[in-house]
C-alpha atoms as a PDB file:
ATOM      1  CA  UNK A   1       0.000   0.000   0.000  1.00  0.00           C
ATOM      2  CA  UNK A   2       1.453   3.378  -0.976  1.00  0.00           C
ATOM      3  CA  UNK A   3      -1.265   6.007  -0.849  1.00  0.00           C
ATOM      4  CA  UNK A   4      -2.480   5.438  -4.404  1.00  0.00           C
ATOM      5  CA  UNK A   5      -4.603   2.483  -3.370  1.00  0.00           C
ATOM      6  CA  UNK A   6      -6.013   3.287   0.037  1.00  0.00           C
ATOM      7  CA  UNK A   7      -7.462   0.530   2.228  1.00  0.00           C
ATOM      8  CA  UNK A   8     -11.185   0.204   2.846  1.00  0.00           C
ATOM      9  CA  UNK A   9     -10.622  -0.182   6.560  1.00  0.00           C
ATOM     10  CA  UNK A  10     -10.227   2.634   9.111  1.00  0.00           C
ATOM     11  CA  UNK A  11      -9.478   3.096  12.798  1.00  0.00           C
ATOM     12  CA  UNK A  12     -12.246   2.394  15.274  1.00  0.00           C
ATOM     13  CA  UNK A  13     -12.179   3.520  18.916  1.00  0.00           C
ATOM     14  CA  UNK A  14     -11.932   0.708  21.456  1.00  0.00           C
ATOM     15  CA  UNK A  15     -15.252  -0.453  22.862  1.00  0.00           C
ATOM     16  CA  UNK A  16     -16.557   0.976  26.140  1.00  0.00           C
ATOM     17  CA  UNK A  17     -15.601  -2.137  28.086  1.00  0.00           C
ATOM     18  CA  UNK A  18     -11.973  -1.860  26.952  1.00  0.00           C
ATOM     19  CA  UNK A  19     -11.856   1.870  27.759  1.00  0.00           C
ATOM     20  CA  UNK A  20     -13.353   1.208  31.188  1.00  0.00           C
ATOM     21  CA  UNK A  21     -10.774  -1.538  31.847  1.00  0.00           C
ATOM     22  CA  UNK A  22      -7.892   0.810  30.978  1.00  0.00           C
ATOM     23  CA  UNK A  23      -9.398   3.631  33.048  1.00  0.00           C
ATOM     24  CA  UNK A  24      -9.634   1.257  35.996  1.00  0.00           C
ATOM     25  CA  UNK A  25      -5.906   0.449  35.663  1.00  0.00           C
ATOM     26  CA  UNK A  26      -5.046   4.162  35.598  1.00  0.00           C
ATOM     27  CA  UNK A  27      -7.269   4.710  38.633  1.00  0.00           C
ATOM     28  CA  UNK A  28      -5.428   1.927  40.508  1.00  0.00           C
ATOM     29  CA  UNK A  29      -2.123   3.596  39.659  1.00  0.00           C
ATOM     30  CA  UNK A  30      -3.576   6.866  40.950  1.00  0.00           C
ATOM     31  CA  UNK A  31      -4.485   5.132  44.230  1.00  0.00           C
ATOM     32  CA  UNK A  32      -0.905   3.865  44.591  1.00  0.00           C
ATOM     33  CA  UNK A  33       0.328   7.374  43.826  1.00  0.00           C
ATOM     34  CA  UNK A  34      -1.865   8.779  46.599  1.00  0.00           C
ATOM     35  CA  UNK A  35      -0.487   6.207  49.043  1.00  0.00           C
ATOM     36  CA  UNK A  36       3.068   7.084  47.960  1.00  0.00           C
ATOM     37  CA  UNK A  37       2.482  10.810  48.516  1.00  0.00           C
ATOM     38  CA  UNK A  38       0.151  10.476  51.528  1.00  0.00           C
ATOM     39  CA  UNK A  39      -2.626  12.237  49.636  1.00  0.00           C
ATOM     40  CA  UNK A  40      -6.340  11.681  49.977  1.00  0.00           C
ATOM     41  CA  UNK A  41      -7.586  10.333  46.644  1.00  0.00           C
ATOM     42  CA  UNK A  42     -10.969  11.968  47.220  1.00  0.00           C
ATOM     43  CA  UNK A  43      -9.254  15.363  46.764  1.00  0.00           C
ATOM     44  CA  UNK A  44      -8.253  14.515  43.190  1.00  0.00           C
ATOM     45  CA  UNK A  45     -10.760  15.251  40.456  1.00  0.00           C
ATOM     46  CA  UNK A  46     -10.600  13.386  37.156  1.00  0.00           C
ATOM     47  CA  UNK A  47     -11.778  14.690  33.813  1.00  0.00           C
ATOM     48  CA  UNK A  48     -13.221  11.405  32.532  1.00  0.00           C
ATOM     49  CA  UNK A  49     -13.572  12.659  28.971  1.00  0.00           C
ATOM     50  CA  UNK A  50      -9.880  13.590  28.887  1.00  0.00           C
ATOM     51  CA  UNK A  51      -8.955  10.231  30.396  1.00  0.00           C
ATOM     52  CA  UNK A  52     -11.018   8.536  27.678  1.00  0.00           C
ATOM     53  CA  UNK A  53      -9.173  10.597  25.059  1.00  0.00           C
ATOM     54  CA  UNK A  54      -5.823   9.518  26.501  1.00  0.00           C
ATOM     55  CA  UNK A  55      -6.830   5.849  26.340  1.00  0.00           C
ATOM     56  CA  UNK A  56      -7.968   6.230  22.725  1.00  0.00           C
ATOM     57  CA  UNK A  57      -4.751   8.011  21.689  1.00  0.00           C
ATOM     58  CA  UNK A  58      -2.659   5.255  23.264  1.00  0.00           C
ATOM     59  CA  UNK A  59      -4.739   2.681  21.390  1.00  0.00           C
ATOM     60  CA  UNK A  60      -4.214   4.593  18.149  1.00  0.00           C
ATOM     61  CA  UNK A  61      -0.468   4.444  18.748  1.00  0.00           C
ATOM     62  CA  UNK A  62      -0.697   0.656  19.172  1.00  0.00           C
ATOM     63  CA  UNK A  63      -2.309   0.478  15.740  1.00  0.00           C
ATOM     64  CA  UNK A  64       0.400   2.785  14.365  1.00  0.00           C
ATOM     65  CA  UNK A  65       3.130   0.468  15.667  1.00  0.00           C
ATOM     66  CA  UNK A  66       1.343  -2.518  14.156  1.00  0.00           C
ATOM     67  CA  UNK A  67       0.982  -0.905  10.733  1.00  0.00           C
ATOM     68  CA  UNK A  68       4.255   0.991  10.403  1.00  0.00           C
ATOM     69  CA  UNK A  69       6.561  -1.367  12.267  1.00  0.00           C
ATOM     70  CA  UNK A  70       5.617  -4.717  10.731  1.00  0.00           C
ATOM     71  CA  UNK A  71       3.211  -5.988  13.373  1.00  0.00           C
ATOM     72  CA  UNK A  72       5.261  -4.785  16.328  1.00  0.00           C
ATOM     73  CA  UNK A  73       3.535  -4.509  19.692  1.00  0.00           C
ATOM     74  CA  UNK A  74       4.768  -1.630  21.869  1.00  0.00           C
ATOM     75  CA  UNK A  75       6.604  -2.666  25.024  1.00  0.00           C
ATOM     76  CA  UNK A  76       5.499  -1.748  28.525  1.00  0.00           C
ATOM     77  CA  UNK A  77       8.156   0.992  28.470  1.00  0.00           C
ATOM     78  CA  UNK A  78       6.606   2.553  25.378  1.00  0.00           C
ATOM     79  CA  UNK A  79       3.089   2.228  26.771  1.00  0.00           C
ATOM     80  CA  UNK A  80       4.179   3.888  30.012  1.00  0.00           C
ATOM     81  CA  UNK A  81       5.903   6.658  28.049  1.00  0.00           C
ATOM     82  CA  UNK A  82       2.733   7.234  26.003  1.00  0.00           C
ATOM     83  CA  UNK A  83       0.630   7.411  29.154  1.00  0.00           C
ATOM     84  CA  UNK A  84       3.060   9.898  30.677  1.00  0.00           C
ATOM     85  CA  UNK A  85       3.173  11.975  27.487  1.00  0.00           C
ATOM     86  CA  UNK A  86      -0.608  12.261  27.203  1.00  0.00           C
ATOM     87  CA  UNK A  87      -1.109  12.963  30.907  1.00  0.00           C
ATOM     88  CA  UNK A  88       1.411  15.793  30.697  1.00  0.00           C
ATOM     89  CA  UNK A  89      -0.185  17.107  27.514  1.00  0.00           C
ATOM     90  CA  UNK A  90      -3.899  16.795  28.391  1.00  0.00           C
ATOM     91  CA  UNK A  91      -3.737  17.099  32.224  1.00  0.00           C
ATOM     92  CA  UNK A  92      -6.716  14.939  33.266  1.00  0.00           C
ATOM     93  CA  UNK A  93      -6.226  15.360  37.032  1.00  0.00           C
ATOM     94  CA  UNK A  94      -6.633  18.389  39.245  1.00  0.00           C
ATOM     95  CA  UNK A  95      -7.203  19.318  42.873  1.00  0.00           C
ATOM     96  CA  UNK A  96      -9.656  22.134  43.528  1.00  0.00           C
ATOM     97  CA  UNK A  97      -8.002  24.683  45.803  1.00  0.00           C
ATOM     98  CA  UNK A  98      -9.487  27.204  48.191  1.00  0.00           C
ATOM     99  CA  UNK A  99      -8.283  30.200  50.156  1.00  0.00           C
ATOM    100  CA  UNK A 100      -7.235  28.109  53.156  1.00  0.00           C
ATOM    101  CA  UNK A 101      -4.652  26.121  51.161  1.00  0.00           C
ATOM    102  CA  UNK A 102      -1.073  26.665  52.205  1.00  0.00           C
ATOM    103  CA  UNK A 103       1.463  27.676  49.564  1.00  0.00           C
ATOM    104  CA  UNK A 104       2.881  24.118  49.597  1.00  0.00           C
ATOM    105  CA  UNK A 105      -0.585  22.534  49.207  1.00  0.00           C
ATOM    106  CA  UNK A 106      -1.412  24.887  46.332  1.00  0.00           C
ATOM    107  CA  UNK A 107       1.861  23.967  44.627  1.00  0.00           C
ATOM    108  CA  UNK A 108       1.086  20.261  45.065  1.00  0.00           C
ATOM    109  CA  UNK A 109      -2.360  20.848  43.556  1.00  0.00           C
ATOM    110  CA  UNK A 110      -0.922  22.764  40.601  1.00  0.00           C
ATOM    111  CA  UNK A 111       1.527  19.990  39.678  1.00  0.00           C
ATOM    112  CA  UNK A 112      -0.566  16.897  40.352  1.00  0.00           C
ATOM    113  CA  UNK A 113      -0.239  15.586  36.770  1.00  0.00           C
ATOM    114  CA  UNK A 114       3.527  16.079  36.745  1.00  0.00           C
ATOM    115  CA  UNK A 115       3.917  14.423  40.140  1.00  0.00           C
ATOM    116  CA  UNK A 116       1.840  11.466  38.974  1.00  0.00           C
ATOM    117  CA  UNK A 117       4.075  11.103  35.906  1.00  0.00           C
ATOM    118  CA  UNK A 118       7.215  11.105  38.069  1.00  0.00           C
ATOM    119  CA  UNK A 119       5.554   8.388  40.161  1.00  0.00           C
ATOM    120  CA  UNK A 120       4.811   6.338  37.023  1.00  0.00           C
ATOM    121  CA  UNK A 121       8.434   6.636  35.919  1.00  0.00           C
ATOM    122  CA  UNK A 122       9.779   5.624  39.311  1.00  0.00           C
ATOM    123  CA  UNK A 123       7.271   2.779  39.556  1.00  0.00           C
ATOM    124  CA  UNK A 124       8.418   1.350  36.230  1.00  0.00           C
ATOM    125  CA  UNK A 125      12.025   1.761  37.324  1.00  0.00           C
ATOM    126  CA  UNK A 126      11.333  -0.093  40.573  1.00  0.00           C
ATOM    127  CA  UNK A 127      10.082  -3.117  38.616  1.00  0.00           C
ATOM    128  CA  UNK A 128      12.735  -3.264  35.913  1.00  0.00           C
ATOM    129  CA  UNK A 129      15.824  -1.696  37.530  1.00  0.00           C
ATOM    130  CA  UNK A 130      15.407  -2.189  41.290  1.00  0.00           C
ATOM    131  CA  UNK A 131      19.037  -1.324  42.074  1.00  0.00           C
ATOM    132  CA  UNK A 132      18.765   2.020  40.309  1.00  0.00           C
ATOM    133  CA  UNK A 133      15.409   2.682  41.929  1.00  0.00           C
ATOM    134  CA  UNK A 134      16.843   1.969  45.386  1.00  0.00           C
ATOM    135  CA  UNK A 135      19.624   4.493  44.792  1.00  0.00           C
ATOM    136  CA  UNK A 136      17.180   7.129  43.561  1.00  0.00           C
ATOM    137  CA  UNK A 137      14.512   6.557  46.211  1.00  0.00           C
ATOM    138  CA  UNK A 138      17.070   7.170  48.963  1.00  0.00           C
ATOM    139  CA  UNK A 139      17.828  10.571  47.469  1.00  0.00           C
ATOM    140  CA  UNK A 140      14.846  12.948  47.874  1.00  0.00           C
ATOM    141  CA  UNK A 141      16.878  15.772  46.339  1.00  0.00           C
ATOM    142  CA  UNK A 142      17.072  13.824  43.066  1.00  0.00           C
ATOM    143  CA  UNK A 143      13.318  13.170  43.088  1.00  0.00           C
ATOM    144  CA  UNK A 144      12.657  16.885  43.677  1.00  0.00           C
ATOM    145  CA  UNK A 145      14.975  17.768  40.797  1.00  0.00           C
ATOM    146  CA  UNK A 146      13.271  15.221  38.563  1.00  0.00           C
ATOM    147  CA  UNK A 147       9.943  16.802  39.388  1.00  0.00           C
ATOM    148  CA  UNK A 148      11.423  20.240  38.733  1.00  0.00           C
ATOM    149  CA  UNK A 149      12.533  19.197  35.234  1.00  0.00           C
ATOM    150  CA  UNK A 150       9.099  17.777  34.441  1.00  0.00           C
ATOM    151  CA  UNK A 151       7.376  20.940  35.603  1.00  0.00           C
END
């Protein structure tokens, strides 16, 4: 196929059950993130339409890999990177703030998506490179700098 003879097929969004399953996985990761940061998950609001869009865009990229890379399936690293990319780009999470928030709490609320992405990166690192993760996790200055570079 080269553009002169286009296929009859086209991309279809995943079904609702598949989207719900992926959203549930992201929500579980968000729960782990809240435990890691000692946050109350009920404070975090989720734009479900944006989360749905993220799941669809990741699925589209799976199809892209299949078509343009000879049937290749993206690795967990690539899938994690796509999730991080789209969370940073579309920002599906937020914490409503009020006047009584401290400066530190307001900053935490402003960078909730970035903090979650740092958590996802460190979580993946803990599974695949535990020695490196152990070195990093003992160094809060490094984690703060990593968050600074993401922000």
